[in-house]
């Protein structure tokens, strides 16, 4: 299982269109709802999240959920240095 996050609705739509046969649960999050969503993902057994992957699932940044939440809260996702973390 993998959690996915996208910076734009268009990127998410392209990804979902490329994976029509899968079943998805989607959430639009903001700084206020992100902690609850991340907590649910962790409770469901997710450890990492793939951020802004290509529509085929390649590319993007893989990061620990806690790192994603920290970067999201501090508006640093676009400048996240994945080489400084071990996901």
C-alpha atoms as a PDB file:
ATOM      1  CA  UNK A   1       0.000   0.000   0.000  1.00  0.00           C
ATOM      2  CA  UNK A   2       1.170   3.460  -0.798  1.00  0.00           C
ATOM      3  CA  UNK A   3      -0.237   6.877   0.067  1.00  0.00           C
ATOM      4  CA  UNK A   4      -0.118   9.550  -2.631  1.00  0.00           C
ATOM      5  CA  UNK A   5      -0.280  13.358  -2.451  1.00  0.00           C
ATOM      6  CA  UNK A   6      -0.398  15.934  -5.219  1.00  0.00           C
ATOM      7  CA  UNK A   7       0.178  19.663  -5.253  1.00  0.00           C
ATOM      8  CA  UNK A   8      -2.573  20.319  -7.804  1.00  0.00           C
ATOM      9  CA  UNK A   9      -5.972  18.857  -8.617  1.00  0.00           C
ATOM     10  CA  UNK A  10      -4.838  18.448 -12.230  1.00  0.00           C
ATOM     11  CA  UNK A  11      -1.906  16.223 -11.239  1.00  0.00           C
ATOM     12  CA  UNK A  12      -4.176  14.116  -9.059  1.00  0.00           C
ATOM     13  CA  UNK A  13      -6.759  13.819 -11.854  1.00  0.00           C
ATOM     14  CA  UNK A  14      -4.099  12.668 -14.339  1.00  0.00           C
ATOM     15  CA  UNK A  15      -2.861  10.055 -11.857  1.00  0.00           C
ATOM     16  CA  UNK A  16      -6.373   8.780 -11.104  1.00  0.00           C
ATOM     17  CA  UNK A  17      -7.240   8.638 -14.817  1.00  0.00           C
ATOM     18  CA  UNK A  18      -4.167   6.489 -15.430  1.00  0.00           C
ATOM     19  CA  UNK A  19      -5.232   4.091 -12.651  1.00  0.00           C
ATOM     20  CA  UNK A  20      -8.955   3.701 -13.329  1.00  0.00           C
ATOM     21  CA  UNK A  21      -9.078   0.082 -12.172  1.00  0.00           C
ATOM     22  CA  UNK A  22      -7.951   0.891  -8.633  1.00  0.00           C
ATOM     23  CA  UNK A  23     -10.170   1.969  -5.774  1.00  0.00           C
ATOM     24  CA  UNK A  24      -9.192   5.322  -4.204  1.00  0.00           C
ATOM     25  CA  UNK A  25     -10.111   7.326  -1.157  1.00  0.00           C
ATOM     26  CA  UNK A  26      -9.292  10.988  -1.763  1.00  0.00           C
ATOM     27  CA  UNK A  27      -9.106  13.951   0.598  1.00  0.00           C
ATOM     28  CA  UNK A  28      -8.407  17.606   0.000  1.00  0.00           C
ATOM     29  CA  UNK A  29      -6.303  18.731   2.948  1.00  0.00           C
ATOM     30  CA  UNK A  30      -5.150  22.029   4.373  1.00  0.00           C
ATOM     31  CA  UNK A  31      -2.923  22.944   7.305  1.00  0.00           C
ATOM     32  CA  UNK A  32      -5.800  22.350   9.702  1.00  0.00           C
ATOM     33  CA  UNK A  33      -6.985  18.957   8.440  1.00  0.00           C
ATOM     34  CA  UNK A  34      -3.559  17.507   7.552  1.00  0.00           C
ATOM     35  CA  UNK A  35      -2.707  16.222  11.066  1.00  0.00           C
ATOM     36  CA  UNK A  36      -5.918  14.179  11.277  1.00  0.00           C
ATOM     37  CA  UNK A  37      -5.487  12.757   7.767  1.00  0.00           C
ATOM     38  CA  UNK A  38      -1.834  11.849   8.416  1.00  0.00           C
ATOM     39  CA  UNK A  39      -2.792  10.247  11.753  1.00  0.00           C
ATOM     40  CA  UNK A  40      -5.399   8.113   9.978  1.00  0.00           C
ATOM     41  CA  UNK A  41      -2.860   7.039   7.360  1.00  0.00           C
ATOM     42  CA  UNK A  42      -0.420   6.075  10.117  1.00  0.00           C
ATOM     43  CA  UNK A  43      -3.141   4.168  11.981  1.00  0.00           C
ATOM     44  CA  UNK A  44      -3.942   2.335   8.738  1.00  0.00           C
ATOM     45  CA  UNK A  45      -0.320   1.200   8.482  1.00  0.00           C
ATOM     46  CA  UNK A  46       1.103   3.710   6.017  1.00  0.00           C
ATOM     47  CA  UNK A  47       4.661   4.837   6.741  1.00  0.00           C
ATOM     48  CA  UNK A  48       5.517   6.882   3.654  1.00  0.00           C
ATOM     49  CA  UNK A  49       3.819   9.053   1.084  1.00  0.00           C
ATOM     50  CA  UNK A  50       4.675   9.709  -2.552  1.00  0.00           C
ATOM     51  CA  UNK A  51       4.360  13.411  -3.353  1.00  0.00           C
ATOM     52  CA  UNK A  52       3.742  14.678  -6.901  1.00  0.00           C
ATOM     53  CA  UNK A  53       4.440  11.401  -8.686  1.00  0.00           C
ATOM     54  CA  UNK A  54       3.936  11.180 -12.439  1.00  0.00           C
ATOM     55  CA  UNK A  55       0.655   9.765 -13.709  1.00  0.00           C
ATOM     56  CA  UNK A  56       2.321   6.348 -14.146  1.00  0.00           C
ATOM     57  CA  UNK A  57       3.428   6.352 -10.481  1.00  0.00           C
ATOM     58  CA  UNK A  58       7.114   7.031 -11.151  1.00  0.00           C
ATOM     59  CA  UNK A  59       9.048  10.069 -10.021  1.00  0.00           C
ATOM     60  CA  UNK A  60       7.938  12.395  -7.300  1.00  0.00           C
ATOM     61  CA  UNK A  61       9.322  12.476  -3.793  1.00  0.00           C
ATOM     62  CA  UNK A  62       8.910   9.608  -1.342  1.00  0.00           C
ATOM     63  CA  UNK A  63       8.972  10.733   2.262  1.00  0.00           C
ATOM     64  CA  UNK A  64       8.049   9.652   5.763  1.00  0.00           C
ATOM     65  CA  UNK A  65       4.535  10.764   6.733  1.00  0.00           C
ATOM     66  CA  UNK A  66       5.906  12.808   9.637  1.00  0.00           C
ATOM     67  CA  UNK A  67       8.302  14.627   7.276  1.00  0.00           C
ATOM     68  CA  UNK A  68       5.454  15.270   4.836  1.00  0.00           C
ATOM     69  CA  UNK A  69       3.315  16.771   7.594  1.00  0.00           C
ATOM     70  CA  UNK A  70       6.164  18.986   8.800  1.00  0.00           C
ATOM     71  CA  UNK A  71       6.959  20.196   5.271  1.00  0.00           C
ATOM     72  CA  UNK A  72       3.258  20.698   4.491  1.00  0.00           C
ATOM     73  CA  UNK A  73       2.619  22.704   7.664  1.00  0.00           C
ATOM     74  CA  UNK A  74       5.630  24.916   7.026  1.00  0.00           C
ATOM     75  CA  UNK A  75       4.915  25.368   3.312  1.00  0.00           C
ATOM     76  CA  UNK A  76       8.193  23.693   2.312  1.00  0.00           C
ATOM     77  CA  UNK A  77       7.025  20.825   0.104  1.00  0.00           C
ATOM     78  CA  UNK A  78       8.247  22.473  -3.090  1.00  0.00           C
ATOM     79  CA  UNK A  79      11.714  22.882  -1.550  1.00  0.00           C
ATOM     80  CA  UNK A  80      11.861  19.493   0.199  1.00  0.00           C
ATOM     81  CA  UNK A  81      15.304  17.908  -0.073  1.00  0.00           C
ATOM     82  CA  UNK A  82      14.643  14.166  -0.244  1.00  0.00           C
ATOM     83  CA  UNK A  83      18.368  13.436  -0.144  1.00  0.00           C
ATOM     84  CA  UNK A  84      18.468  14.569   3.479  1.00  0.00           C
ATOM     85  CA  UNK A  85      15.950  11.908   4.553  1.00  0.00           C
ATOM     86  CA  UNK A  86      15.885   8.160   4.386  1.00  0.00           C
ATOM     87  CA  UNK A  87      12.436   7.003   3.333  1.00  0.00           C
END
